[in-house]
Amino acid sequence: MKSIDQLKVKIFADGADKAGMLEMYRQPFVKGLTTNPTLMRKAGITDYRAFAQDILRAIPDRPISFEVFSDQFGEMERQAREIASWGEQVYVKLPITNTKREPCHELARRLTQDGIKVNVTALMTAAQVRGIVDALNPRVPAYVSVFAGRVADTGRDPLPIMSESLDIMRKLPLAELIWASPRELLNIFQADRIGCHIITVTNDILKKLALVNYDLDEYSLDTVKMFHEDARKAAYAI
């Protein structure tokens, strides 16, 4: 198995807790960051603009994605243009559809024609990737985020979808495919193996990096010791 510094896939930290984001920013293997309204709400963020601008002052030199939150495309566009104005490293996250299943293709086309970098998010099928790729400006950098982890939650293997998505995106030389919502550390190595450009990873998963290439016999013994110690502390008796 490769060590983390041998991987070609870029690791982006996914979160909305400032302390956690700064902790990941200090790691040389973290090449960018992403967040979303759900993570921000869980982190107790109440002022969207103030939070984003505070993060951009603290992290001025890595790509960071912030998401629009309207369900109406006109208001989405207004939000997207303001978010884009916050910094050159900012990518504007657009949901692949609104809640009415209406695709964001035309909005993505307008924004990228004006040079705005977008991160189209919440995709789960190759057909969705094909549709948005046809809308994006090939001369402007962009991210396409396929939620491989959520695909796996349905019992489907996400690898074929991710591989097909890479093939579809070859016509966009500046666009990068994101393996989003990974469920385990193994997903980083799977993404790397198929040539995926980026994987977004939460702090909880990133903290397991110390286990990469850890001896399995030792890991087995660690697990036995944990069970034994917990039983001792609980003072179980039969």
Protein backbone atom coordinates (compact mmCIF):
# COMPACT_ATOMS: atom_id res chain seq x y z
CA MET A 1 0.00 0.00 0.00
CA LYS A 2 1.22 3.52 -0.81
CA SER A 3 2.12 5.94 1.93
CA ILE A 4 0.11 9.15 2.10
CA ASP A 5 2.90 11.20 0.48
CA GLN A 6 2.92 8.87 -2.54
CA LEU A 7 -0.72 9.45 -3.42
CA LYS A 8 -1.60 11.42 -6.54
CA VAL A 9 -5.19 12.12 -5.46
CA LYS A 10 -5.47 15.49 -3.73
CA ILE A 11 -6.96 15.41 -0.24
CA PHE A 12 -9.38 18.21 0.65
CA ALA A 13 -10.58 18.62 4.25
CA ASP A 14 -14.37 18.78 4.63
CA GLY A 15 -15.73 20.64 7.64
CA ALA A 16 -17.03 23.86 9.17
CA ASP A 17 -15.36 23.98 12.58
CA LYS A 18 -12.71 26.70 12.40
CA ALA A 19 -10.30 25.00 14.79
CA GLY A 20 -10.59 21.74 12.85
CA MET A 21 -10.18 23.50 9.52
CA LEU A 22 -7.03 25.24 10.73
CA GLU A 23 -5.68 21.97 12.11
CA MET A 24 -6.11 20.35 8.70
CA TYR A 25 -4.72 23.43 6.92
CA ARG A 26 -1.46 22.91 8.81
CA GLN A 27 -1.12 19.43 7.31
CA PRO A 28 0.99 19.55 4.13
CA PHE A 29 -1.05 16.78 2.48
CA VAL A 30 -4.29 18.80 2.69
CA LYS A 31 -4.48 20.67 -0.63
CA GLY A 32 -7.87 22.40 -0.23
CA LEU A 33 -11.01 22.68 1.88
CA THR A 34 -14.75 22.42 1.41
CA THR A 35 -17.81 23.06 3.53
CA ASN A 36 -21.59 23.13 3.13
CA PRO A 37 -24.66 24.55 4.91
CA THR A 38 -25.32 21.30 6.80
CA LEU A 39 -21.81 21.21 8.26
CA MET A 40 -22.01 24.92 9.06
CA ARG A 41 -25.31 24.50 10.89
CA LYS A 42 -23.91 21.59 12.91
CA ALA A 43 -20.93 23.77 13.83
CA GLY A 44 -23.27 26.50 15.11
CA ILE A 45 -22.47 29.04 12.38
CA THR A 46 -25.12 31.77 12.29
CA ASP A 47 -23.48 34.46 10.12
CA TYR A 48 -22.56 32.87 6.77
CA ARG A 49 -20.64 35.81 5.30
CA ALA A 50 -18.69 36.54 8.49
CA PHE A 51 -17.69 32.88 8.89
CA ALA A 52 -16.56 32.54 5.28
CA GLN A 53 -14.54 35.73 5.28
CA ASP A 54 -12.93 34.83 8.60
CA ILE A 55 -11.87 31.45 7.17
CA LEU A 56 -10.51 33.08 4.00
CA ARG A 57 -8.36 35.46 6.06
CA ALA A 58 -7.00 32.51 8.04
CA ILE A 59 -6.53 30.28 4.98
CA PRO A 60 -5.58 32.55 2.08
CA ASP A 61 -3.66 30.13 -0.13
CA ARG A 62 -5.75 26.97 -0.63
CA PRO A 63 -8.87 26.47 -2.77
CA ILE A 64 -12.00 26.65 -0.60
CA SER A 65 -15.58 25.85 -1.66
CA PHE A 66 -18.60 27.68 -0.19
CA GLU A 67 -22.13 26.71 -1.21
CA VAL A 68 -25.15 28.75 -2.27
CA PHE A 69 -28.26 28.01 -0.23
CA SER A 70 -31.23 29.41 -2.14
CA ASP A 71 -33.63 27.11 -4.00
CA GLN A 72 -34.39 29.72 -6.66
CA PHE A 73 -31.90 30.04 -9.51
CA GLY A 74 -32.08 33.84 -9.65
CA GLU A 75 -31.15 34.14 -6.00
CA MET A 76 -28.61 31.31 -6.36
CA GLU A 77 -26.88 33.37 -9.03
CA ARG A 78 -26.80 36.49 -6.86
CA GLN A 79 -25.32 34.48 -3.98
CA ALA A 80 -22.84 32.74 -6.28
CA ARG A 81 -21.51 36.01 -7.67
CA GLU A 82 -21.05 37.47 -4.20
CA ILE A 83 -19.34 34.32 -2.88
CA ALA A 84 -17.01 34.31 -5.89
CA SER A 85 -16.04 37.91 -5.12
CA TRP A 86 -14.62 36.90 -1.74
CA GLY A 87 -11.37 35.56 -3.16
CA GLU A 88 -9.50 34.14 -6.11
CA GLN A 89 -9.22 30.76 -4.37
CA VAL A 90 -13.00 30.48 -3.87
CA TYR A 91 -15.06 27.89 -5.72
CA VAL A 92 -18.84 28.36 -5.59
CA LYS A 93 -20.72 25.17 -4.77
CA LEU A 94 -23.91 24.70 -6.78
CA PRO A 95 -26.29 21.79 -6.14
CA ILE A 96 -26.80 19.73 -9.29
CA THR A 97 -30.54 20.44 -9.01
CA ASN A 98 -32.80 22.49 -6.80
CA THR A 99 -35.42 20.77 -4.63
CA LYS A 100 -37.82 20.69 -7.60
CA ARG A 101 -35.38 18.49 -9.60
CA GLU A 102 -34.61 21.38 -11.95
CA PRO A 103 -30.95 21.10 -13.09
CA CYS A 104 -28.45 23.88 -12.48
CA HIS A 105 -26.94 23.59 -15.99
CA GLU A 106 -27.88 27.04 -17.27
CA LEU A 107 -26.72 28.73 -14.09
CA ALA A 108 -23.39 26.87 -14.22
CA ARG A 109 -23.04 27.88 -17.88
CA ARG A 110 -23.60 31.58 -17.14
CA LEU A 111 -21.25 31.63 -14.18
CA THR A 112 -18.40 29.79 -15.86
CA GLN A 113 -18.76 31.89 -19.02
CA ASP A 114 -18.02 34.84 -16.74
CA GLY A 115 -14.93 33.10 -15.38
CA ILE A 116 -16.42 32.05 -12.03
CA LYS A 117 -15.06 28.78 -10.66
CA VAL A 118 -17.83 26.41 -9.58
CA ASN A 119 -18.01 23.19 -7.60
CA VAL A 120 -21.13 21.36 -8.77
CA THR A 121 -22.16 19.13 -5.89
CA ALA A 122 -24.45 16.26 -4.83
CA LEU A 123 -24.16 14.29 -8.09
CA MET A 124 -24.69 10.52 -7.90
CA THR A 125 -24.99 9.28 -11.49
CA ALA A 126 -22.86 9.33 -14.62
CA ALA A 127 -25.82 10.88 -16.46
CA GLN A 128 -25.71 13.86 -14.10
CA VAL A 129 -21.98 14.20 -14.72
CA ARG A 130 -22.53 14.12 -18.49
CA GLY A 131 -25.18 16.84 -18.27
CA ILE A 132 -23.11 19.27 -16.24
CA VAL A 133 -19.92 18.65 -18.22
CA ASP A 134 -21.74 19.79 -21.35
CA ALA A 135 -22.67 23.03 -19.56
CA LEU A 136 -19.30 24.01 -18.07
CA ASN A 137 -16.81 26.33 -19.75
CA PRO A 138 -13.74 24.24 -20.67
CA ARG A 139 -11.50 27.28 -20.20
CA VAL A 140 -12.42 27.78 -16.53
CA PRO A 141 -11.36 25.52 -13.62
CA ALA A 142 -14.24 23.64 -12.00
CA TYR A 143 -14.96 20.77 -9.64
CA VAL A 144 -17.60 18.08 -10.13
CA SER A 145 -18.44 16.38 -6.82
CA VAL A 146 -19.87 12.86 -7.04
CA PHE A 147 -21.10 11.61 -3.67
CA ALA A 148 -19.51 8.18 -3.88
CA GLY A 149 -20.11 7.52 -0.19
CA ARG A 150 -23.84 8.04 -0.53
CA VAL A 151 -23.87 5.84 -3.62
CA ALA A 152 -22.26 3.12 -1.49
CA ASP A 153 -24.90 3.68 1.20
CA THR A 154 -27.49 2.34 -1.27
CA GLY A 155 -25.60 -0.94 -1.70
CA ARG A 156 -24.10 0.08 -5.05
CA ASP A 157 -20.38 -0.01 -5.84
CA PRO A 158 -19.38 3.60 -6.61
CA LEU A 159 -16.17 2.66 -8.45
CA PRO A 160 -17.79 2.09 -11.88
CA ILE A 161 -19.62 5.44 -11.62
CA MET A 162 -16.45 7.25 -10.61
CA SER A 163 -14.42 5.66 -13.42
CA GLU A 164 -17.09 6.53 -16.00
CA SER A 165 -17.24 10.07 -14.65
CA LEU A 166 -13.50 10.47 -15.19
CA ASP A 167 -13.92 9.40 -18.81
CA ILE A 168 -16.78 11.86 -19.33
CA MET A 169 -14.74 14.71 -17.89
CA ARG A 170 -11.80 14.28 -20.24
CA LYS A 171 -13.28 16.96 -22.50
CA LEU A 172 -12.79 19.51 -19.69
CA PRO A 173 -9.02 19.78 -19.18
CA LEU A 174 -9.31 22.23 -16.27
CA ALA A 175 -12.12 20.43 -14.42
CA GLU A 176 -11.45 17.95 -11.61
CA LEU A 177 -13.57 15.10 -10.28
CA ILE A 178 -14.16 15.00 -6.53
CA TRP A 179 -14.86 11.74 -4.70
CA ALA A 180 -17.20 13.19 -2.07
CA SER A 181 -18.64 11.81 1.19
CA PRO A 182 -16.12 8.98 1.74
CA ARG A 183 -16.99 6.57 4.52
CA GLU A 184 -13.57 5.14 5.38
CA LEU A 185 -9.86 5.67 4.91
CA LEU A 186 -9.78 2.96 2.23
CA ASN A 187 -11.74 5.28 -0.06
CA ILE A 188 -8.70 7.56 -0.35
CA PHE A 189 -6.67 4.72 -1.82
CA GLN A 190 -9.54 3.62 -4.08
CA ALA A 191 -9.85 7.16 -5.43
CA ASP A 192 -6.12 7.31 -6.04
CA ARG A 193 -6.10 3.95 -7.81
CA ILE A 194 -8.66 4.99 -10.44
CA GLY A 195 -7.05 8.39 -11.02
CA CYS A 196 -9.69 10.54 -9.30
CA HIS A 197 -8.38 14.08 -8.93
CA ILE A 198 -9.64 14.98 -5.44
CA ILE A 199 -11.26 13.36 -2.41
CA THR A 200 -12.97 15.36 0.33
CA VAL A 201 -12.38 13.89 3.77
CA THR A 202 -13.71 14.79 7.22
CA ASN A 203 -11.39 15.28 10.19
CA ASP A 204 -12.60 12.04 11.78
CA ILE A 205 -11.36 10.02 8.80
CA LEU A 206 -8.17 12.04 8.40
CA LYS A 207 -7.24 11.28 12.00
CA LYS A 208 -7.01 7.59 11.03
CA LEU A 209 -4.06 8.30 8.73
CA ALA A 210 -1.72 7.12 11.46
CA LEU A 211 -3.09 3.62 10.82
CA VAL A 212 -1.92 3.48 7.20
CA ASN A 213 0.27 0.37 6.78
CA TYR A 214 -0.09 -0.43 10.51
CA ASP A 215 0.74 -4.06 11.26
CA LEU A 216 -2.52 -6.03 11.35
CA ASP A 217 -1.33 -8.44 14.05
CA GLU A 218 -0.54 -5.44 16.26
CA TYR A 219 -3.91 -3.89 15.41
CA SER A 220 -5.59 -7.17 16.38
CA LEU A 221 -3.77 -7.15 19.73
CA ASP A 222 -4.71 -3.49 20.30
CA THR A 223 -8.36 -4.43 19.78
CA VAL A 224 -8.15 -7.35 22.23
CA LYS A 225 -6.53 -5.06 24.80
CA MET A 226 -9.32 -2.50 24.33
CA PHE A 227 -12.05 -5.09 24.92
CA HIS A 228 -10.23 -6.41 27.99
CA GLU A 229 -9.66 -2.96 29.48
CA ASP A 230 -13.26 -1.87 28.93
CA ALA A 231 -14.56 -5.06 30.56
CA ARG A 232 -12.21 -4.48 33.53
CA LYS A 233 -13.35 -0.86 33.95
CA ALA A 234 -16.99 -1.96 33.84
CA ALA A 235 -16.28 -4.58 36.55
CA TYR A 236 -18.28 -7.20 34.69
CA ALA A 237 -18.84 -10.54 36.38
CA ILE A 238 -20.72 -13.72 35.43
